[in-house]
Amino acid sequence: MKSKYSTKYFPFSPGIPWKIKNNKYVVPEITTDTWKDTLKDRDIVILSHGGLLESFFSLYFVAAINKIESNNIYWAGNKEFEPLIKANAISKYKEVPDIAHKYPVPLFLGNDNLAYFNCLNNYLIMQSYYLRNDYERTEPVVKQIFDNLMLEYKSEYKPKFNYFDYVEYKKWADTNKFYDNQKFIFIILNHTKYSNHNIDCLNWGWDDVLNFAAIIKRFDINIVVCSDNNIVLPYKAGIFIAPVKLPIIFPLLEKSWMILSQDIDYLLVSLWASKSNVVFNNLRKLKKSAFNVYKNAEVLESECQIIGSNDLNPMEVYTAIEGLV
């Protein structure tokens, strides 16, 4: 029987024998020796021009390469996520245009003696090496990203953020007399500019939030709502309002006891960035997609408690809290 695999070389990744499946698809696999030889004496650029989800998990590449190689590492993507790069303190931010879509491989070389990791190669949509979109992928999104590093997954490569600049966060907390050493639930009520995905993971409005705040008062758990909408809250509602700013959102996400979010990004990031309880809506739809929270948690070996629903309402979350406290 004729093999469904063949080998192909590309001028932009000289010396790398790429395995091709069905004469169409580049398989993200090379030997460890080829991987090391390709990176030898080259500085490395991690390309990840995506939203928060893609930017955060691309730092897995940074941590892994830093453990194995002594090269200089640069990260190129949306400048709004530069605070995460600085907080990770391994790579440096580099202005590079979004060129990854021109190269149908996970690793390619530039004329500038740089090696480029294409984190989002064949991400969400499988392409043939001649750049034709063929089909939607359903493997967990974090696996799709990690596969492009072409190394065995190791949880020790989980990125750390020991140098996060908490100045803006502390200023907000002090102004609002908010103390994060007390349990709080973090709610990102609307879609934010930090996500590239139009997936609804929370079906709540302000009336739901106020109702929720009222019924959980007996638990002595505060609520922080991330929203730019102006609203006058009832006296002693037990709700803090945080602006939609990454330097404030990320510390809240790290420190929260429970998170609910309209955007999928914060839910998946919290699986690694915190030990928060993750609660979400749209379970039936997400189960069939690459954004399945449970399957992504398995890949990440996350210890977070996950609660999914098909029609999430305040009483359902109240019941979940009863079982957790």
Protein backbone atom coordinates (compact mmCIF):
# COMPACT_ATOMS: atom_id res chain seq x y z
CA MET A 1 0.00 0.00 0.00
CA LYS A 2 1.29 3.44 -0.94
CA SER A 3 2.23 5.56 2.07
CA LYS A 4 0.10 8.65 2.72
CA TYR A 5 3.25 10.49 3.80
CA SER A 6 5.97 12.04 1.66
CA THR A 7 8.86 14.44 2.32
CA LYS A 8 9.25 17.99 1.08
CA TYR A 9 11.83 20.77 1.48
CA PHE A 10 11.04 24.48 1.36
CA PRO A 11 13.49 27.29 0.50
CA PHE A 12 12.48 29.24 3.62
CA SER A 13 13.37 26.33 5.95
CA PRO A 14 16.52 24.86 4.39
CA GLY A 15 17.72 21.54 5.75
CA ILE A 16 14.38 20.61 7.33
CA PRO A 17 12.73 17.53 5.80
CA TRP A 18 9.03 18.20 6.35
CA LYS A 19 6.68 15.26 6.45
CA ILE A 20 3.70 15.87 4.14
CA LYS A 21 0.40 14.08 4.69
CA ASN A 22 -1.81 13.24 1.69
CA ASN A 23 0.36 15.47 -0.54
CA LYS A 24 -1.20 18.48 1.20
CA TYR A 25 -0.51 19.05 4.88
CA VAL A 26 2.74 19.77 6.67
CA VAL A 27 3.01 17.59 9.78
CA PRO A 28 4.54 19.54 12.69
CA GLU A 29 7.25 17.00 13.45
CA ILE A 30 11.03 17.10 13.08
CA THR A 31 13.78 15.26 14.94
CA THR A 32 15.37 16.78 18.01
CA ASP A 33 18.71 16.96 16.17
CA THR A 34 17.14 18.85 13.26
CA TRP A 35 15.36 21.17 15.72
CA LYS A 36 18.62 21.99 17.51
CA ASP A 37 20.70 22.29 14.32
CA THR A 38 18.17 24.72 12.84
CA LEU A 39 18.30 26.98 15.89
CA LYS A 40 22.07 26.80 16.38
CA ASP A 41 23.74 30.23 16.40
CA ARG A 42 20.48 31.98 15.59
CA ASP A 43 18.34 34.35 17.58
CA ILE A 44 14.73 33.22 17.79
CA VAL A 45 11.47 35.06 17.17
CA ILE A 46 8.17 33.71 18.49
CA LEU A 47 5.42 34.87 16.12
CA SER A 48 1.97 35.08 17.68
CA HIS A 49 -0.21 37.80 16.20
CA GLY A 50 -3.41 36.87 17.98
CA GLY A 51 -5.48 37.82 21.00
CA LEU A 52 -4.91 37.15 24.69
CA LEU A 53 -5.38 33.40 24.37
CA GLU A 54 -2.81 33.04 21.59
CA SER A 55 -0.35 35.52 23.12
CA PHE A 56 -0.45 33.95 26.57
CA PHE A 57 0.02 30.35 25.45
CA SER A 58 2.76 31.29 22.96
CA LEU A 59 4.90 32.04 26.03
CA TYR A 60 5.12 28.28 26.46
CA PHE A 61 7.53 28.40 23.49
CA VAL A 62 9.61 31.05 25.25
CA ALA A 63 9.91 29.02 28.46
CA ALA A 64 10.72 25.77 26.63
CA ILE A 65 13.36 27.26 24.32
CA ASN A 66 14.95 29.11 27.22
CA LYS A 67 15.36 25.80 29.08
CA ILE A 68 17.00 24.09 26.11
CA GLU A 69 18.89 26.75 24.16
CA SER A 70 20.93 29.82 25.14
CA ASN A 71 19.77 31.91 22.17
CA ASN A 72 18.31 35.40 22.44
CA ILE A 73 14.54 35.11 22.26
CA TYR A 74 12.15 37.74 20.92
CA TRP A 75 8.38 37.76 20.94
CA ALA A 76 6.39 39.39 18.12
CA GLY A 77 2.66 39.98 18.25
CA ASN A 78 0.02 42.46 19.32
CA LYS A 79 1.75 45.26 21.25
CA GLU A 80 -1.14 45.37 23.74
CA PHE A 81 0.29 42.18 25.25
CA GLU A 82 3.78 43.56 25.79
CA PRO A 83 3.10 43.79 29.58
CA LEU A 84 2.87 39.97 29.65
CA ILE A 85 6.19 39.69 27.81
CA LYS A 86 7.86 42.03 30.29
CA ALA A 87 6.33 40.23 33.26
CA ASN A 88 7.60 36.89 31.92
CA ALA A 89 11.06 38.52 31.68
CA ILE A 90 12.65 35.96 29.34
CA SER A 91 12.04 37.29 25.83
CA LYS A 92 12.01 40.84 24.50
CA TYR A 93 9.21 42.41 22.50
CA LYS A 94 10.09 42.89 18.83
CA GLU A 95 8.19 44.78 16.16
CA VAL A 96 7.61 42.30 13.33
CA PRO A 97 4.77 42.43 10.78
CA ASP A 98 2.29 39.56 10.75
CA ILE A 99 4.15 37.48 8.15
CA ALA A 100 3.41 33.99 9.48
CA HIS A 101 0.52 33.35 7.08
CA LYS A 102 3.02 33.41 4.19
CA TYR A 103 4.85 30.36 5.52
CA PRO A 104 3.00 27.01 5.81
CA VAL A 105 5.42 25.54 8.37
CA PRO A 106 5.93 25.84 12.15
CA LEU A 107 9.57 26.93 11.81
CA PHE A 108 11.24 28.99 9.12
CA LEU A 109 14.39 31.04 8.65
CA GLY A 110 14.79 34.66 7.63
CA ASN A 111 17.52 36.43 5.69
CA ASP A 112 18.30 38.26 8.95
CA ASN A 113 19.82 35.11 10.53
CA LEU A 114 16.72 34.74 12.68
CA ALA A 115 14.69 31.58 13.24
CA TYR A 116 10.93 32.14 13.41
CA PHE A 117 8.49 29.91 15.27
CA ASN A 118 5.06 30.20 13.72
CA CYS A 119 2.88 29.51 16.79
CA LEU A 120 -0.35 29.86 14.86
CA ASN A 121 0.57 27.62 11.95
CA ASN A 122 -2.58 25.74 10.88
CA TYR A 123 -4.37 27.26 13.88
CA LEU A 124 -8.13 26.64 13.86
CA ILE A 125 -8.12 26.15 10.08
CA MET A 126 -6.05 23.42 8.44
CA GLN A 127 -4.26 24.66 5.34
CA SER A 128 -2.45 22.80 2.62
CA TYR A 129 1.18 23.80 2.15
CA TYR A 130 0.09 25.73 -0.94
CA LEU A 131 -2.02 27.88 1.44
CA ARG A 132 -5.54 26.75 0.64
CA ASN A 133 -7.97 26.63 3.56
CA ASP A 134 -9.34 23.10 3.78
CA TYR A 135 -11.20 22.41 7.02
CA GLU A 136 -11.87 23.58 10.56
CA ARG A 137 -9.84 21.92 13.29
CA THR A 138 -11.41 20.65 16.51
CA GLU A 139 -8.38 19.56 18.56
CA PRO A 140 -7.99 21.64 21.74
CA VAL A 141 -6.67 25.08 20.84
CA VAL A 142 -3.76 24.88 23.28
CA LYS A 143 -2.62 21.61 21.67
CA GLN A 144 -2.83 23.21 18.23
CA ILE A 145 -0.51 25.96 19.45
CA PHE A 146 1.90 23.73 21.40
CA ASP A 147 2.28 21.25 18.53
CA ASN A 148 4.05 23.95 16.53
CA LEU A 149 6.95 23.91 19.00
CA MET A 150 7.57 20.32 17.87
CA LEU A 151 8.74 19.17 21.29
CA GLU A 152 7.14 16.80 23.77
CA TYR A 153 4.74 18.69 26.04
CA LYS A 154 6.08 19.37 29.55
CA SER A 155 4.14 21.24 32.20
CA GLU A 156 7.41 22.63 33.55
CA TYR A 157 7.41 25.00 30.55
CA LYS A 158 4.37 26.78 31.97
CA PRO A 159 5.17 30.52 31.82
CA LYS A 160 5.71 32.48 35.03
CA PHE A 161 5.00 36.15 35.57
CA ASN A 162 7.25 37.06 38.48
CA TYR A 163 7.89 40.60 37.28
CA PHE A 164 4.38 41.84 36.60
CA ASP A 165 3.99 45.59 37.09
CA TYR A 166 1.19 45.85 39.64
CA VAL A 167 1.30 49.67 39.90
CA GLU A 168 -1.91 50.33 37.94
CA TYR A 169 -3.68 47.41 39.63
CA LYS A 170 -2.68 48.56 43.12
CA LYS A 171 -3.82 52.09 42.35
CA TRP A 172 -7.25 50.77 41.29
CA ALA A 173 -7.48 48.48 44.33
CA ASP A 174 -6.50 51.26 46.75
CA THR A 175 -8.94 53.74 45.20
CA ASN A 176 -11.80 51.24 45.45
CA LYS A 177 -10.77 49.86 48.87
CA PHE A 178 -10.60 46.40 47.32
CA TYR A 179 -8.67 43.68 49.16
CA ASP A 180 -7.70 40.67 47.07
CA ASN A 181 -6.83 38.55 50.10
CA GLN A 182 -10.57 37.99 50.48
CA LYS A 183 -12.48 35.61 48.21
CA PHE A 184 -13.90 37.25 45.12
CA ILE A 185 -15.63 36.25 41.90
CA PHE A 186 -14.34 37.87 38.75
CA ILE A 187 -16.94 38.50 36.04
CA ILE A 188 -15.98 39.75 32.57
CA LEU A 189 -19.42 40.74 31.44
CA ASN A 190 -18.91 41.74 27.80
CA HIS A 191 -16.63 40.90 24.91
CA THR A 192 -13.33 42.78 25.18
CA LYS A 193 -10.75 44.03 22.71
CA TYR A 194 -8.26 41.42 23.93
CA SER A 195 -10.06 38.47 22.30
CA ASN A 196 -10.25 37.55 18.63
CA HIS A 197 -13.08 35.05 19.15
CA ASN A 198 -16.77 35.78 18.89
CA ILE A 199 -17.82 33.03 21.27
CA ASP A 200 -20.43 33.73 23.95
CA CYS A 201 -19.49 32.07 27.23
CA LEU A 202 -21.75 34.13 29.49
CA ASN A 203 -25.35 35.10 28.87
CA TRP A 204 -25.71 37.70 31.62
CA GLY A 205 -26.56 41.38 31.81
CA TRP A 206 -26.36 43.77 34.76
CA ASP A 207 -29.73 42.58 36.13
CA ASP A 208 -28.30 39.07 36.41
CA VAL A 209 -25.18 40.37 38.15
CA LEU A 210 -27.24 42.34 40.70
CA ASN A 211 -29.46 39.34 41.32
CA PHE A 212 -26.41 37.14 41.74
CA ALA A 213 -24.78 39.58 44.17
CA ALA A 214 -27.94 39.60 46.28
CA ILE A 215 -28.26 35.82 46.59
CA ILE A 216 -24.58 35.11 47.41
CA LYS A 217 -24.29 37.71 50.18
CA ARG A 218 -24.38 35.02 52.86
CA PHE A 219 -21.11 33.57 51.53
CA ASP A 220 -19.21 36.81 52.18
CA ILE A 221 -17.67 36.68 48.70
CA ASN A 222 -17.09 39.90 46.79
CA ILE A 223 -17.77 40.37 43.09
CA VAL A 224 -15.55 42.24 40.66
CA VAL A 225 -17.13 43.07 37.31
CA CYS A 226 -14.86 44.07 34.45
CA SER A 227 -16.83 46.52 32.33
CA ASP A 228 -16.50 49.94 30.73
CA ASN A 229 -20.26 50.49 30.97
CA ASN A 230 -21.26 53.25 33.37
CA ILE A 231 -23.78 52.02 35.92
CA VAL A 232 -24.94 53.29 39.28
CA LEU A 233 -24.84 50.39 41.72
CA PRO A 234 -27.18 50.02 44.71
CA TYR A 235 -25.67 50.92 48.08
CA LYS A 236 -23.61 48.05 49.55
CA ALA A 237 -24.20 45.87 46.50
CA GLY A 238 -20.92 44.06 47.17
CA ILE A 239 -19.74 44.73 43.62
CA PHE A 240 -16.52 46.38 42.46
CA ILE A 241 -16.16 47.63 38.89
CA ALA A 242 -12.80 47.25 37.16
CA PRO A 243 -11.88 48.88 33.83
CA VAL A 244 -11.11 46.79 30.77
CA LYS A 245 -7.34 47.15 31.01
CA LEU A 246 -4.93 44.22 30.85
CA PRO A 247 -2.70 45.49 33.72
CA ILE A 248 -5.79 45.31 35.96
CA ILE A 249 -7.52 42.29 34.42
CA PHE A 250 -4.55 39.93 34.64
CA PRO A 251 -3.88 40.31 38.41
CA LEU A 252 -7.61 39.92 39.08
CA LEU A 253 -7.67 36.77 36.96
CA GLU A 254 -4.64 35.36 38.85
CA LYS A 255 -6.10 36.07 42.29
CA SER A 256 -9.79 35.31 41.73
CA TRP A 257 -11.61 32.44 43.47
CA MET A 258 -14.07 32.02 40.59
CA ILE A 259 -14.22 33.42 37.08
CA LEU A 260 -17.09 33.91 34.64
CA SER A 261 -16.37 35.51 31.29
CA GLN A 262 -18.10 36.35 28.05
CA ASP A 263 -14.79 35.86 26.23
CA ILE A 264 -13.31 32.36 26.01
CA ASP A 265 -9.76 33.72 26.34
CA TYR A 266 -9.97 34.50 30.05
CA LEU A 267 -11.45 31.09 30.86
CA LEU A 268 -8.69 29.18 29.10
CA VAL A 269 -5.91 31.45 30.36
CA SER A 270 -7.15 31.03 33.93
CA LEU A 271 -6.62 27.26 33.61
CA TRP A 272 -2.89 28.01 33.75
CA ALA A 273 -2.65 31.46 35.31
CA SER A 274 -4.73 30.77 38.41
CA LYS A 275 -6.41 28.13 40.57
CA SER A 276 -9.77 29.75 40.04
CA ASN A 277 -13.05 27.88 39.62
CA VAL A 278 -14.02 28.29 35.96
CA VAL A 279 -17.72 28.72 35.18
CA PHE A 280 -19.13 29.13 31.67
CA ASN A 281 -22.21 28.99 29.47
CA ASN A 282 -22.72 27.47 26.00
CA LEU A 283 -21.49 24.03 27.06
CA ARG A 284 -23.16 22.13 24.21
CA LYS A 285 -21.60 24.30 21.49
CA LEU A 286 -18.14 24.46 23.07
CA LYS A 287 -18.01 20.67 23.55
CA LYS A 288 -17.91 20.21 19.78
CA SER A 289 -15.22 22.80 19.14
CA ALA A 290 -11.52 23.41 19.68
CA PHE A 291 -12.50 25.65 22.61
CA ASN A 292 -13.84 22.77 24.72
CA VAL A 293 -12.82 23.95 28.20
CA TYR A 294 -12.60 20.45 29.66
CA LYS A 295 -10.35 19.09 26.88
CA ASN A 296 -8.08 22.11 26.99
CA ALA A 297 -7.80 21.67 30.76
CA GLU A 298 -6.71 18.05 30.22
CA VAL A 299 -3.92 19.15 27.88
CA LEU A 300 -2.78 21.77 30.40
CA GLU A 301 -3.06 19.34 33.33
CA SER A 302 -5.04 22.06 35.07
CA GLU A 303 -6.28 21.61 38.63
CA CYS A 304 -9.07 24.18 38.26
CA GLN A 305 -12.63 23.16 39.06
CA ILE A 306 -14.70 23.55 35.87
CA ILE A 307 -18.46 24.03 35.74
CA GLY A 308 -20.20 24.21 32.36
CA SER A 309 -23.85 24.91 31.60
CA ASN A 310 -26.16 25.18 28.61
CA ASP A 311 -28.16 28.03 30.12
CA LEU A 312 -26.21 29.55 32.99
CA ASN A 313 -28.24 31.52 35.51
CA PRO A 314 -27.39 33.11 38.88
CA MET A 315 -29.07 30.36 40.91
CA GLU A 316 -27.03 27.68 39.14
CA VAL A 317 -23.80 29.47 40.10
CA TYR A 318 -25.13 29.91 43.66
CA THR A 319 -25.65 26.15 43.88
CA ALA A 320 -22.11 25.56 42.57
CA ILE A 321 -20.72 27.90 45.23
CA GLU A 322 -22.58 25.96 47.93
CA GLY A 323 -20.72 22.85 46.84
CA LEU A 324 -17.33 24.58 46.79
CA VAL A 325 -17.21 26.62 49.99
